[in-house]
Amino acid sequence: QVQLVESGGGLEQAGGSLRLSCAASGRTFRDSTMGWFRQAPGKEREFVAAITWNIGSTYYADSVKGRFTISRDDAKNTVYLQMNSLKPEDTAVYYCAVRWFGVSYLPTGYKYWGQGTQVTVSS
């Protein structure tokens, strides 16, 4: 059974930084793509960033490009989302998710999900 456990959310002021972690377990993540999504109240879940496990190719939503960085630690089976220059509009529940073989920007493209971690950015 695949498990994804997010941590690192919290309350931060605009302009500040947070780092989210997603610890993965349960099967090999070779050939996988790990993604971060977020969902604000009353809005649909949206793509934030993704990274391919094998090569480490990265993908970002335009809204976070240049501010957020996704990375992975193979030895720890953990994916990170470093969030800098935070804005109030970044406030949302952040989820990590995993799929195998290929990249998707849609939530429906991912098979397993974590429980989510709240990020709140105050102005």
PDB file of N, CA and C in Angstrom:
ATOM      1  N   GLN A   1       0.843  -1.191   0.000  1.00  0.00           N
ATOM      2  CA  GLN A   1       0.000   0.000   0.000  1.00  0.00           C
ATOM      3  C   GLN A   1       0.881   1.245   0.000  1.00  0.00           C
ATOM      4  N   VAL A   2       0.675   2.107  -0.973  1.00  0.00           N
ATOM      5  CA  VAL A   2       1.448   3.339  -1.064  1.00  0.00           C
ATOM      6  C   VAL A   2       0.947   4.337  -0.029  1.00  0.00           C
ATOM      7  N   GLN A   3       1.882   4.945   0.656  1.00  0.00           N
ATOM      8  CA  GLN A   3       1.537   6.001   1.618  1.00  0.00           C
ATOM      9  C   GLN A   3       2.340   7.245   1.302  1.00  0.00           C
ATOM     10  N   LEU A   4       1.674   8.380   1.329  1.00  0.00           N
ATOM     11  CA  LEU A   4       2.305   9.683   1.147  1.00  0.00           C
ATOM     12  C   LEU A   4       1.935  10.529   2.350  1.00  0.00           C
ATOM     13  N   VAL A   5       2.943  11.049   3.026  1.00  0.00           N
ATOM     14  CA  VAL A   5       2.693  11.831   4.237  1.00  0.00           C
ATOM     15  C   VAL A   5       3.356  13.189   4.084  1.00  0.00           C
ATOM     16  N   GLU A   6       2.513  14.234   4.038  1.00  0.00           N
ATOM     17  CA  GLU A   6       3.024  15.595   3.906  1.00  0.00           C
ATOM     18  C   GLU A   6       3.282  16.197   5.285  1.00  0.00           C
ATOM     19  N   SER A   7       4.214  17.124   5.315  1.00  0.00           N
ATOM     20  CA  SER A   7       4.482  17.898   6.529  1.00  0.00           C
ATOM     21  C   SER A   7       5.098  19.222   6.123  1.00  0.00           C
ATOM     22  N   GLY A   8       5.143  20.138   7.083  1.00  0.00           N
ATOM     23  CA  GLY A   8       5.837  21.399   6.849  1.00  0.00           C
ATOM     24  C   GLY A   8       4.948  22.595   6.608  1.00  0.00           C
ATOM     25  N   GLY A   9       3.650  22.400   6.565  1.00  0.00           N
ATOM     26  CA  GLY A   9       2.776  23.540   6.384  1.00  0.00           C
ATOM     27  C   GLY A   9       2.727  24.414   7.623  1.00  0.00           C
ATOM     28  N   GLY A  10       2.035  25.538   7.500  1.00  0.00           N
ATOM     29  CA  GLY A  10       1.905  26.426   8.644  1.00  0.00           C
ATOM     30  C   GLY A  10       1.491  27.810   8.216  1.00  0.00           C
ATOM     31  N   LEU A  11       1.663  28.746   9.134  1.00  0.00           N
ATOM     32  CA  LEU A  11       1.314  30.146   8.898  1.00  0.00           C
ATOM     33  C   LEU A  11       2.590  30.935   8.658  1.00  0.00           C
ATOM     34  N   GLU A  12       2.600  31.700   7.577  1.00  0.00           N
ATOM     35  CA  GLU A  12       3.773  32.504   7.241  1.00  0.00           C
ATOM     36  C   GLU A  12       3.310  33.862   6.722  1.00  0.00           C
ATOM     37  N   GLN A  13       4.124  34.853   6.895  1.00  0.00           N
ATOM     38  CA  GLN A  13       3.810  36.180   6.369  1.00  0.00           C
ATOM     39  C   GLN A  13       4.163  36.261   4.878  1.00  0.00           C
ATOM     40  N   ALA A  14       3.513  37.154   4.201  1.00  0.00           N
ATOM     41  CA  ALA A  14       3.833  37.381   2.794  1.00  0.00           C
ATOM     42  C   ALA A  14       5.317  37.736   2.655  1.00  0.00           C
ATOM     43  N   GLY A  15       5.945  37.143   1.644  1.00  0.00           N
ATOM     44  CA  GLY A  15       7.367  37.339   1.444  1.00  0.00           C
ATOM     45  C   GLY A  15       8.239  36.307   2.130  1.00  0.00           C
ATOM     46  N   GLY A  16       7.645  35.520   3.004  1.00  0.00           N
ATOM     47  CA  GLY A  16       8.392  34.504   3.731  1.00  0.00           C
ATOM     48  C   GLY A  16       8.528  33.215   2.963  1.00  0.00           C
ATOM     49  N   SER A  17       9.049  32.193   3.648  1.00  0.00           N
ATOM     50  CA  SER A  17       9.328  30.906   3.018  1.00  0.00           C
ATOM     51  C   SER A  17       8.830  29.768   3.897  1.00  0.00           C
ATOM     52  N   LEU A  18       8.470  28.683   3.237  1.00  0.00           N
ATOM     53  CA  LEU A  18       8.136  27.429   3.890  1.00  0.00           C
ATOM     54  C   LEU A  18       8.668  26.291   3.036  1.00  0.00           C
ATOM     55  N   ARG A  19       8.977  25.162   3.673  1.00  0.00           N
ATOM     56  CA  ARG A  19       9.368  23.984   2.920  1.00  0.00           C
ATOM     57  C   ARG A  19       8.443  22.829   3.285  1.00  0.00           C
ATOM     58  N   LEU A  20       7.788  22.306   2.298  1.00  0.00           N
ATOM     59  CA  LEU A  20       6.927  21.146   2.490  1.00  0.00           C
ATOM     60  C   LEU A  20       7.701  19.870   2.165  1.00  0.00           C
ATOM     61  N   SER A  21       7.378  18.813   2.894  1.00  0.00           N
ATOM     62  CA  SER A  21       7.978  17.502   2.648  1.00  0.00           C
ATOM     63  C   SER A  21       6.874  16.500   2.376  1.00  0.00           C
ATOM     64  N   CYS A  22       7.204  15.504   1.561  1.00  0.00           N
ATOM     65  CA  CYS A  22       6.284  14.409   1.280  1.00  0.00           C
ATOM     66  C   CYS A  22       7.081  13.117   1.355  1.00  0.00           C
ATOM     67  N   ALA A  23       6.859  12.358   2.409  1.00  0.00           N
ATOM     68  CA  ALA A  23       7.546  11.082   2.595  1.00  0.00           C
ATOM     69  C   ALA A  23       6.724   9.975   1.963  1.00  0.00           C
ATOM     70  N   ALA A  24       7.346   9.224   1.056  1.00  0.00           N
ATOM     71  CA  ALA A  24       6.642   8.189   0.313  1.00  0.00           C
ATOM     72  C   ALA A  24       7.116   6.802   0.723  1.00  0.00           C
ATOM     73  N   SER A  25       6.196   5.877   0.757  1.00  0.00           N
ATOM     74  CA  SER A  25       6.549   4.495   1.104  1.00  0.00           C
ATOM     75  C   SER A  25       5.554   3.541   0.460  1.00  0.00           C
ATOM     76  N   GLY A  26       5.925   2.275   0.436  1.00  0.00           N
ATOM     77  CA  GLY A  26       4.973   1.252   0.020  1.00  0.00           C
ATOM     78  C   GLY A  26       5.314   0.518  -1.262  1.00  0.00           C
ATOM     79  N   ARG A  27       6.138   1.120  -2.117  1.00  0.00           N
ATOM     80  CA  ARG A  27       6.566   0.422  -3.330  1.00  0.00           C
ATOM     81  C   ARG A  27       7.707   1.201  -3.957  1.00  0.00           C
ATOM     82  N   THR A  28       8.285   0.652  -4.989  1.00  0.00           N
ATOM     83  CA  THR A  28       9.353   1.371  -5.661  1.00  0.00           C
ATOM     84  C   THR A  28       8.805   2.592  -6.383  1.00  0.00           C
ATOM     85  N   PHE A  29       9.566   3.675  -6.341  1.00  0.00           N
ATOM     86  CA  PHE A  29       9.126   4.894  -7.009  1.00  0.00           C
ATOM     87  C   PHE A  29       9.915   5.147  -8.286  1.00  0.00           C
ATOM     88  N   ARG A  30      10.666   4.118  -8.700  1.00  0.00           N
ATOM     89  CA  ARG A  30      11.299   4.208 -10.005  1.00  0.00           C
ATOM     90  C   ARG A  30      10.214   4.376 -11.050  1.00  0.00           C
ATOM     91  N   ASP A  31      10.480   5.214 -12.033  1.00  0.00           N
ATOM     92  CA  ASP A  31       9.547   5.495 -13.124  1.00  0.00           C
ATOM     93  C   ASP A  31       8.326   6.305 -12.684  1.00  0.00           C
ATOM     94  N   SER A  32       8.374   6.834 -11.485  1.00  0.00           N
ATOM     95  CA  SER A  32       7.221   7.601 -11.018  1.00  0.00           C
ATOM     96  C   SER A  32       7.416   9.094 -11.249  1.00  0.00           C
ATOM     97  N   THR A  33       6.336   9.808 -11.138  1.00  0.00           N
ATOM     98  CA  THR A  33       6.323  11.270 -11.098  1.00  0.00           C
ATOM     99  C   THR A  33       5.615  11.686  -9.827  1.00  0.00           C
ATOM    100  N   MET A  34       6.272  12.503  -9.049  1.00  0.00           N
ATOM    101  CA  MET A  34       5.680  13.035  -7.822  1.00  0.00           C
ATOM    102  C   MET A  34       5.192  14.453  -8.108  1.00  0.00           C
ATOM    103  N   GLY A  35       3.974  14.741  -7.708  1.00  0.00           N
ATOM    104  CA  GLY A  35       3.409  16.055  -7.960  1.00  0.00           C
ATOM    105  C   GLY A  35       2.934  16.724  -6.687  1.00  0.00           C
ATOM    106  N   TRP A  36       2.948  18.031  -6.708  1.00  0.00           N
ATOM    107  CA  TRP A  36       2.330  18.845  -5.653  1.00  0.00           C
ATOM    108  C   TRP A  36       1.140  19.574  -6.270  1.00  0.00           C
ATOM    109  N   PHE A  37       0.032  19.513  -5.559  1.00  0.00           N
ATOM    110  CA  PHE A  37      -1.176  20.231  -5.946  1.00  0.00           C
ATOM    111  C   PHE A  37      -1.631  21.064  -4.749  1.00  0.00           C
ATOM    112  N   ARG A  38      -2.518  22.005  -5.004  1.00  0.00           N
ATOM    113  CA  ARG A  38      -3.091  22.776  -3.908  1.00  0.00           C
ATOM    114  C   ARG A  38      -4.552  23.063  -4.179  1.00  0.00           C
ATOM    115  N   GLN A  39      -5.269  23.270  -3.089  1.00  0.00           N
ATOM    116  CA  GLN A  39      -6.693  23.563  -3.202  1.00  0.00           C
ATOM    117  C   GLN A  39      -7.070  24.609  -2.174  1.00  0.00           C
ATOM    118  N   ALA A  40      -7.517  25.760  -2.678  1.00  0.00           N
ATOM    119  CA  ALA A  40      -7.990  26.834  -1.817  1.00  0.00           C
ATOM    120  C   ALA A  40      -9.494  26.666  -1.616  1.00  0.00           C
ATOM    121  N   PRO A  41     -10.037  27.253  -0.541  1.00  0.00           N
ATOM    122  CA  PRO A  41     -11.474  27.127  -0.283  1.00  0.00           C
ATOM    123  C   PRO A  41     -12.295  27.615  -1.468  1.00  0.00           C
ATOM    124  N   GLY A  42     -13.249  26.802  -1.896  1.00  0.00           N
ATOM    125  CA  GLY A  42     -14.136  27.176  -2.983  1.00  0.00           C
ATOM    126  C   GLY A  42     -13.530  27.073  -4.363  1.00  0.00           C
ATOM    127  N   LYS A  43     -12.303  26.558  -4.442  1.00  0.00           N
ATOM    128  CA  LYS A  43     -11.640  26.454  -5.743  1.00  0.00           C
ATOM    129  C   LYS A  43     -11.296  25.000  -6.054  1.00  0.00           C
ATOM    130  N   GLU A  44     -11.036  24.742  -7.307  1.00  0.00           N
ATOM    131  CA  GLU A  44     -10.641  23.403  -7.705  1.00  0.00           C
ATOM    132  C   GLU A  44      -9.181  23.154  -7.347  1.00  0.00           C
ATOM    133  N   ARG A  45      -8.852  21.875  -7.212  1.00  0.00           N
ATOM    134  CA  ARG A  45      -7.468  21.509  -6.956  1.00  0.00           C
ATOM    135  C   ARG A  45      -6.645  21.825  -8.198  1.00  0.00           C
ATOM    136  N   GLU A  46      -5.478  22.448  -7.986  1.00  0.00           N
ATOM    137  CA  GLU A  46      -4.676  22.865  -9.113  1.00  0.00           C
ATOM    138  C   GLU A  46      -3.240  22.370  -9.004  1.00  0.00           C
ATOM    139  N   PHE A  47      -2.629  22.168 -10.146  1.00  0.00           N
ATOM    140  CA  PHE A  47      -1.247  21.726 -10.234  1.00  0.00           C
ATOM    141  C   PHE A  47      -0.308  22.820  -9.748  1.00  0.00           C
ATOM    142  N   VAL A  48       0.724  22.409  -9.007  1.00  0.00           N
ATOM    143  CA  VAL A  48       1.744  23.350  -8.540  1.00  0.00           C
ATOM    144  C   VAL A  48       3.098  23.006  -9.160  1.00  0.00           C
ATOM    145  N   ALA A  49       3.533  21.757  -8.977  1.00  0.00           N
ATOM    146  CA  ALA A  49       4.851  21.350  -9.457  1.00  0.00           C
ATOM    147  C   ALA A  49       4.912  19.835  -9.517  1.00  0.00           C
ATOM    148  N   ALA A  50       5.854  19.328 -10.316  1.00  0.00           N
ATOM    149  CA  ALA A  50       6.054  17.885 -10.404  1.00  0.00           C
ATOM    150  C   ALA A  50       7.514  17.607 -10.702  1.00  0.00           C
ATOM    151  N   ILE A  51       7.944  16.389 -10.327  1.00  0.00           N
ATOM    152  CA  ILE A  51       9.316  15.968 -10.589  1.00  0.00           C
ATOM    153  C   ILE A  51       9.315  14.497 -10.944  1.00  0.00           C
ATOM    154  N   THR A  52      10.090  14.147 -11.966  1.00  0.00           N
ATOM    155  CA  THR A  52      10.205  12.735 -12.331  1.00  0.00           C
ATOM    156  C   THR A  52      11.295  12.098 -11.490  1.00  0.00           C
ATOM    157  N   TRP A  53      11.004  10.902 -11.013  1.00  0.00           N
ATOM    158  CA  TRP A  53      11.918  10.275 -10.052  1.00  0.00           C
ATOM    159  C   TRP A  53      13.237   9.896 -10.700  1.00  0.00           C
ATOM    160  N   ASN A  54      13.206   9.316 -11.887  1.00  0.00           N
ATOM    161  CA  ASN A  54      14.420   8.790 -12.509  1.00  0.00           C
ATOM    162  C   ASN A  54      15.412   9.873 -12.887  1.00  0.00           C
ATOM    163  N   ILE A  55      14.928  10.880 -13.602  1.00  0.00           N
ATOM    164  CA  ILE A  55      15.834  11.888 -14.159  1.00  0.00           C
ATOM    165  C   ILE A  55      15.811  13.178 -13.355  1.00  0.00           C
ATOM    166  N   GLY A  56      14.730  13.413 -12.665  1.00  0.00           N
ATOM    167  CA  GLY A  56      14.624  14.645 -11.894  1.00  0.00           C
ATOM    168  C   GLY A  56      14.166  15.832 -12.711  1.00  0.00           C
ATOM    169  N   SER A  57      13.494  15.573 -13.829  1.00  0.00           N
ATOM    170  CA  SER A  57      12.929  16.680 -14.600  1.00  0.00           C
ATOM    171  C   SER A  57      11.834  17.352 -13.773  1.00  0.00           C
ATOM    172  N   THR A  58      11.781  18.674 -13.856  1.00  0.00           N
ATOM    173  CA  THR A  58      10.821  19.418 -13.042  1.00  0.00           C
ATOM    174  C   THR A  58       9.852  20.215 -13.910  1.00  0.00           C
ATOM    175  N   TYR A  59       8.669  20.425 -13.364  1.00  0.00           N
ATOM    176  CA  TYR A  59       7.592  21.126 -14.056  1.00  0.00           C
ATOM    177  C   TYR A  59       6.896  22.019 -13.043  1.00  0.00           C
ATOM    178  N   TYR A  60       6.523  23.225 -13.462  1.00  0.00           N
ATOM    179  CA  TYR A  60       5.923  24.192 -12.553  1.00  0.00           C
ATOM    180  C   TYR A  60       4.724  24.876 -13.191  1.00  0.00           C
ATOM    181  N   ALA A  61       3.765  25.223 -12.344  1.00  0.00           N
ATOM    182  CA  ALA A  61       2.698  26.109 -12.778  1.00  0.00           C
ATOM    183  C   ALA A  61       3.279  27.509 -12.947  1.00  0.00           C
ATOM    184  N   ASP A  62       2.732  28.256 -13.886  1.00  0.00           N
ATOM    185  CA  ASP A  62       3.234  29.619 -14.124  1.00  0.00           C
ATOM    186  C   ASP A  62       3.143  30.482 -12.869  1.00  0.00           C
ATOM    187  N   SER A  63       2.145  30.241 -12.052  1.00  0.00           N
ATOM    188  CA  SER A  63       1.917  31.074 -10.877  1.00  0.00           C
ATOM    189  C   SER A  63       3.001  30.919  -9.812  1.00  0.00           C
ATOM    190  N   VAL A  64       3.776  29.834  -9.874  1.00  0.00           N
ATOM    191  CA  VAL A  64       4.800  29.602  -8.850  1.00  0.00           C
ATOM    192  C   VAL A  64       6.205  29.567  -9.432  1.00  0.00           C
ATOM    193  N   LYS A  65       6.313  29.638 -10.747  1.00  0.00           N
ATOM    194  CA  LYS A  65       7.623  29.549 -11.389  1.00  0.00           C
ATOM    195  C   LYS A  65       8.514  30.673 -10.905  1.00  0.00           C
ATOM    196  N   GLY A  66       9.739  30.316 -10.527  1.00  0.00           N
ATOM    197  CA  GLY A  66      10.680  31.309 -10.021  1.00  0.00           C
ATOM    198  C   GLY A  66      10.590  31.530  -8.519  1.00  0.00           C
ATOM    199  N   ARG A  67       9.534  31.025  -7.890  1.00  0.00           N
ATOM    200  CA  ARG A  67       9.384  31.174  -6.438  1.00  0.00           C
ATOM    201  C   ARG A  67       9.444  29.838  -5.716  1.00  0.00           C
ATOM    202  N   PHE A  68       8.914  28.798  -6.335  1.00  0.00           N
ATOM    203  CA  PHE A  68       8.871  27.469  -5.729  1.00  0.00           C
ATOM    204  C   PHE A  68       9.887  26.563  -6.419  1.00  0.00           C
ATOM    205  N   THR A  69      10.442  25.642  -5.636  1.00  0.00           N
ATOM    206  CA  THR A  69      11.372  24.658  -6.184  1.00  0.00           C
ATOM    207  C   THR A  69      11.015  23.277  -5.662  1.00  0.00           C
ATOM    208  N   ILE A  70      10.843  22.337  -6.576  1.00  0.00           N
ATOM    209  CA  ILE A  70      10.578  20.958  -6.191  1.00  0.00           C
ATOM    210  C   ILE A  70      11.869  20.168  -6.304  1.00  0.00           C
ATOM    211  N   SER A  71      12.090  19.265  -5.351  1.00  0.00           N
ATOM    212  CA  SER A  71      13.289  18.441  -5.366  1.00  0.00           C
ATOM    213  C   SER A  71      12.982  17.107  -4.705  1.00  0.00           C
ATOM    214  N   ARG A  72      13.928  16.168  -4.813  1.00  0.00           N
ATOM    215  CA  ARG A  72      13.695  14.859  -4.201  1.00  0.00           C
ATOM    216  C   ARG A  72      14.970  14.344  -3.581  1.00  0.00           C
ATOM    217  N   ASP A  73      14.797  13.486  -2.589  1.00  0.00           N
ATOM    218  CA  ASP A  73      15.911  12.800  -1.942  1.00  0.00           C
ATOM    219  C   ASP A  73      15.654  11.311  -2.112  1.00  0.00           C
ATOM    220  N   ASP A  74      16.409  10.690  -3.020  1.00  0.00           N
ATOM    221  CA  ASP A  74      16.178   9.275  -3.315  1.00  0.00           C
ATOM    222  C   ASP A  74      16.357   8.400  -2.081  1.00  0.00           C
ATOM    223  N   ALA A  75      17.366   8.674  -1.314  1.00  0.00           N
ATOM    224  CA  ALA A  75      17.673   7.822  -0.164  1.00  0.00           C
ATOM    225  C   ALA A  75      16.552   7.849   0.873  1.00  0.00           C
ATOM    226  N   LYS A  76      15.875   8.977   0.967  1.00  0.00           N
ATOM    227  CA  LYS A  76      14.810   9.116   1.960  1.00  0.00           C
ATOM    228  C   LYS A  76      13.419   8.916   1.359  1.00  0.00           C
ATOM    229  N   ASN A  77      13.360   8.680   0.043  1.00  0.00           N
ATOM    230  CA  ASN A  77      12.049   8.570  -0.626  1.00  0.00           C
ATOM    231  C   ASN A  77      11.166   9.762  -0.285  1.00  0.00           C
ATOM    232  N   THR A  78      11.746  10.935  -0.341  1.00  0.00           N
ATOM    233  CA  THR A  78      11.038  12.149   0.060  1.00  0.00           C
ATOM    234  C   THR A  78      11.140  13.206  -1.028  1.00  0.00           C
ATOM    235  N   VAL A  79      10.037  13.886  -1.245  1.00  0.00           N
ATOM    236  CA  VAL A  79       9.984  15.003  -2.187  1.00  0.00           C
ATOM    237  C   VAL A  79       9.726  16.279  -1.395  1.00  0.00           C
ATOM    238  N   TYR A  80      10.357  17.353  -1.811  1.00  0.00           N
ATOM    239  CA  TYR A  80      10.246  18.629  -1.120  1.00  0.00           C
ATOM    240  C   TYR A  80       9.663  19.688  -2.047  1.00  0.00           C
ATOM    241  N   LEU A  81       9.018  20.656  -1.428  1.00  0.00           N
ATOM    242  CA  LEU A  81       8.573  21.838  -2.156  1.00  0.00           C
ATOM    243  C   LEU A  81       9.033  23.049  -1.356  1.00  0.00           C
ATOM    244  N   GLN A  82      10.072  23.691  -1.840  1.00  0.00           N
ATOM    245  CA  GLN A  82      10.580  24.913  -1.214  1.00  0.00           C
ATOM    246  C   GLN A  82       9.789  26.083  -1.775  1.00  0.00           C
ATOM    247  N   MET A  83       9.130  26.803  -0.892  1.00  0.00           N
ATOM    248  CA  MET A  83       8.272  27.908  -1.316  1.00  0.00           C
ATOM    249  C   MET A  83       8.837  29.213  -0.781  1.00  0.00           C
ATOM    250  N   ASN A  84       9.283  30.068  -1.673  1.00  0.00           N
ATOM    251  CA  ASN A  84       9.838  31.372  -1.309  1.00  0.00           C
ATOM    252  C   ASN A  84       8.937  32.487  -1.810  1.00  0.00           C
ATOM    253  N   SER A  85       9.158  33.668  -1.301  1.00  0.00           N
ATOM    254  CA  SER A  85       8.384  34.847  -1.723  1.00  0.00           C
ATOM    255  C   SER A  85       6.888  34.537  -1.701  1.00  0.00           C
ATOM    256  N   LEU A  86       6.443  33.990  -0.614  1.00  0.00           N
ATOM    257  CA  LEU A  86       5.048  33.576  -0.505  1.00  0.00           C
ATOM    258  C   LEU A  86       4.105  34.764  -0.621  1.00  0.00           C
ATOM    259  N   LYS A  87       2.946  34.491  -1.210  1.00  0.00           N
ATOM    260  CA  LYS A  87       1.914  35.494  -1.397  1.00  0.00           C
ATOM    261  C   LYS A  87       0.626  35.002  -0.722  1.00  0.00           C
ATOM    262  N   PRO A  88      -0.257  35.909  -0.338  1.00  0.00           N
ATOM    263  CA  PRO A  88      -1.533  35.475   0.247  1.00  0.00           C
ATOM    264  C   PRO A  88      -2.296  34.516  -0.663  1.00  0.00           C
ATOM    265  N   GLU A  89      -2.168  34.667  -1.958  1.00  0.00           N
ATOM    266  CA  GLU A  89      -2.876  33.775  -2.887  1.00  0.00           C
ATOM    267  C   GLU A  89      -2.290  32.373  -2.936  1.00  0.00           C
ATOM    268  N   ASP A  90      -1.185  32.153  -2.242  1.00  0.00           N
ATOM    269  CA  ASP A  90      -0.642  30.796  -2.117  1.00  0.00           C
ATOM    270  C   ASP A  90      -1.346  30.012  -1.005  1.00  0.00           C
ATOM    271  N   THR A  91      -2.189  30.673  -0.255  1.00  0.00           N
ATOM    272  CA  THR A  91      -2.912  30.014   0.825  1.00  0.00           C
ATOM    273  C   THR A  91      -3.796  28.900   0.284  1.00  0.00           C
ATOM    274  N   ALA A  92      -3.594  27.693   0.805  1.00  0.00           N
ATOM    275  CA  ALA A  92      -4.341  26.529   0.324  1.00  0.00           C
ATOM    276  C   ALA A  92      -3.917  25.310   1.135  1.00  0.00           C
ATOM    277  N   VAL A  93      -4.640  24.222   0.943  1.00  0.00           N
ATOM    278  CA  VAL A  93      -4.164  22.920   1.411  1.00  0.00           C
ATOM    279  C   VAL A  93      -3.310  22.342   0.284  1.00  0.00           C
ATOM    280  N   TYR A  94      -2.101  21.935   0.635  1.00  0.00           N
ATOM    281  CA  TYR A  94      -1.161  21.402  -0.347  1.00  0.00           C
ATOM    282  C   TYR A  94      -1.110  19.882  -0.214  1.00  0.00           C
ATOM    283  N   TYR A  95      -1.215  19.222  -1.367  1.00  0.00           N
ATOM    284  CA  TYR A  95      -1.215  17.768  -1.422  1.00  0.00           C
ATOM    285  C   TYR A  95      -0.058  17.275  -2.283  1.00  0.00           C
ATOM    286  N   CYS A  96       0.547  16.168  -1.885  1.00  0.00           N
ATOM    287  CA  CYS A  96       1.453  15.500  -2.809  1.00  0.00           C
ATOM    288  C   CYS A  96       0.751  14.271  -3.357  1.00  0.00           C
ATOM    289  N   ALA A  97       1.171  13.874  -4.528  1.00  0.00           N
ATOM    290  CA  ALA A  97       0.529  12.764  -5.236  1.00  0.00           C
ATOM    291  C   ALA A  97       1.567  12.066  -6.108  1.00  0.00           C
ATOM    292  N   VAL A  98       1.264  10.835  -6.510  1.00  0.00           N
ATOM    293  CA  VAL A  98       2.209  10.062  -7.306  1.00  0.00           C
ATOM    294  C   VAL A  98       1.496   9.343  -8.438  1.00  0.00           C
ATOM    295  N   ARG A  99       2.184   9.236  -9.554  1.00  0.00           N
ATOM    296  CA  ARG A  99       1.730   8.467 -10.695  1.00  0.00           C
ATOM    297  C   ARG A  99       2.949   7.781 -11.271  1.00  0.00           C
ATOM    298  N   TRP A 100       2.714   6.789 -12.130  1.00  0.00           N
ATOM    299  CA  TRP A 100       3.835   6.107 -12.785  1.00  0.00           C
ATOM    300  C   TRP A 100       3.762   6.309 -14.288  1.00  0.00           C
ATOM    301  N   PHE A 101       4.936   6.469 -14.907  1.00  0.00           N
ATOM    302  CA  PHE A 101       5.087   6.558 -16.357  1.00  0.00           C
ATOM    303  C   PHE A 101       4.422   7.799 -16.937  1.00  0.00           C
ATOM    304  N   GLY A 102       5.169   8.860 -16.957  1.00  0.00           N
ATOM    305  CA  GLY A 102       4.699  10.073 -17.585  1.00  0.00           C
ATOM    306  C   GLY A 102       4.336  11.150 -16.591  1.00  0.00           C
ATOM    307  N   VAL A 103       4.118  12.337 -17.126  1.00  0.00           N
ATOM    308  CA  VAL A 103       3.805  13.514 -16.316  1.00  0.00           C
ATOM    309  C   VAL A 103       2.375  13.941 -16.616  1.00  0.00           C
ATOM    310  N   SER A 104       1.689  14.375 -15.610  1.00  0.00           N
ATOM    311  CA  SER A 104       0.348  14.913 -15.787  1.00  0.00           C
ATOM    312  C   SER A 104       0.197  16.187 -14.979  1.00  0.00           C
ATOM    313  N   TYR A 105      -0.558  17.117 -15.510  1.00  0.00           N
ATOM    314  CA  TYR A 105      -0.852  18.360 -14.808  1.00  0.00           C
ATOM    315  C   TYR A 105      -2.260  18.325 -14.197  1.00  0.00           C
ATOM    316  N   LEU A 106      -2.928  17.202 -14.329  1.00  0.00           N
ATOM    317  CA  LEU A 106      -4.300  17.078 -13.844  1.00  0.00           C
ATOM    318  C   LEU A 106      -4.363  16.196 -12.611  1.00  0.00           C
ATOM    319  N   PRO A 107      -5.180  16.565 -11.624  1.00  0.00           N
ATOM    320  CA  PRO A 107      -5.324  15.710 -10.442  1.00  0.00           C
ATOM    321  C   PRO A 107      -5.770  14.294 -10.802  1.00  0.00           C
ATOM    322  N   THR A 108      -6.576  14.167 -11.802  1.00  0.00           N
ATOM    323  CA  THR A 108      -7.076  12.848 -12.190  1.00  0.00           C
ATOM    324  C   THR A 108      -5.975  11.950 -12.744  1.00  0.00           C
ATOM    325  N   GLY A 109      -4.830  12.529 -13.038  1.00  0.00           N
ATOM    326  CA  GLY A 109      -3.732  11.737 -13.568  1.00  0.00           C
ATOM    327  C   GLY A 109      -2.890  11.062 -12.515  1.00  0.00           C
ATOM    328  N   TYR A 110      -3.195  11.276 -11.253  1.00  0.00           N
ATOM    329  CA  TYR A 110      -2.392  10.748 -10.155  1.00  0.00           C
ATOM    330  C   TYR A 110      -3.156   9.688  -9.382  1.00  0.00           C
ATOM    331  N   LYS A 111      -2.427   8.640  -8.991  1.00  0.00           N
ATOM    332  CA  LYS A 111      -3.078   7.461  -8.433  1.00  0.00           C
ATOM    333  C   LYS A 111      -3.213   7.535  -6.914  1.00  0.00           C
ATOM    334  N   TYR A 112      -2.166   8.003  -6.231  1.00  0.00           N
ATOM    335  CA  TYR A 112      -2.182   8.037  -4.768  1.00  0.00           C
ATOM    336  C   TYR A 112      -1.958   9.467  -4.280  1.00  0.00           C
ATOM    337  N   TRP A 113      -2.590   9.756  -3.139  1.00  0.00           N
ATOM    338  CA  TRP A 113      -2.554  11.105  -2.583  1.00  0.00           C
ATOM    339  C   TRP A 113      -2.239  11.074  -1.094  1.00  0.00           C
ATOM    340  N   GLY A 114      -1.574  12.143  -0.643  1.00  0.00           N
ATOM    341  CA  GLY A 114      -1.413  12.342   0.782  1.00  0.00           C
ATOM    342  C   GLY A 114      -2.646  13.017   1.370  1.00  0.00           C
ATOM    343  N   GLN A 115      -2.581  13.253   2.663  1.00  0.00           N
ATOM    344  CA  GLN A 115      -3.732  13.804   3.371  1.00  0.00           C
ATOM    345  C   GLN A 115      -3.793  15.327   3.280  1.00  0.00           C
ATOM    346  N   GLY A 116      -2.723  15.943   2.881  1.00  0.00           N
ATOM    347  CA  GLY A 116      -2.686  17.387   2.722  1.00  0.00           C
ATOM    348  C   GLY A 116      -2.116  18.106   3.934  1.00  0.00           C
ATOM    349  N   THR A 117      -1.556  19.277   3.686  1.00  0.00           N
ATOM    350  CA  THR A 117      -1.026  20.127   4.762  1.00  0.00           C
ATOM    351  C   THR A 117      -1.420  21.570   4.454  1.00  0.00           C
ATOM    352  N   GLN A 118      -1.876  22.265   5.493  1.00  0.00           N
ATOM    353  CA  GLN A 118      -2.388  23.628   5.297  1.00  0.00           C
ATOM    354  C   GLN A 118      -1.241  24.623   5.253  1.00  0.00           C
ATOM    355  N   VAL A 119      -1.295  25.493   4.261  1.00  0.00           N
ATOM    356  CA  VAL A 119      -0.377  26.626   4.163  1.00  0.00           C
ATOM    357  C   VAL A 119      -1.225  27.896   4.171  1.00  0.00           C
ATOM    358  N   THR A 120      -0.922  28.782   5.105  1.00  0.00           N
ATOM    359  CA  THR A 120      -1.641  30.045   5.202  1.00  0.00           C
ATOM    360  C   THR A 120      -0.633  31.177   5.145  1.00  0.00           C
ATOM    361  N   VAL A 121      -0.843  32.102   4.222  1.00  0.00           N
ATOM    362  CA  VAL A 121       0.055  33.236   4.054  1.00  0.00           C
ATOM    363  C   VAL A 121      -0.713  34.509   4.383  1.00  0.00           C
ATOM    364  N   SER A 122      -0.240  35.218   5.375  1.00  0.00           N
ATOM    365  CA  SER A 122      -0.913  36.445   5.792  1.00  0.00           C
ATOM    366  C   SER A 122      -0.276  37.649   5.110  1.00  0.00           C
ATOM    367  N   SER A 123      -1.114  38.658   4.870  1.00  0.00           N
ATOM    368  CA  SER A 123      -0.615  39.868   4.177  1.00  0.00           C
ATOM    369  C   SER A 123      -0.096  40.883   5.176  1.00  0.00           C
TER     370      SER A 123
END
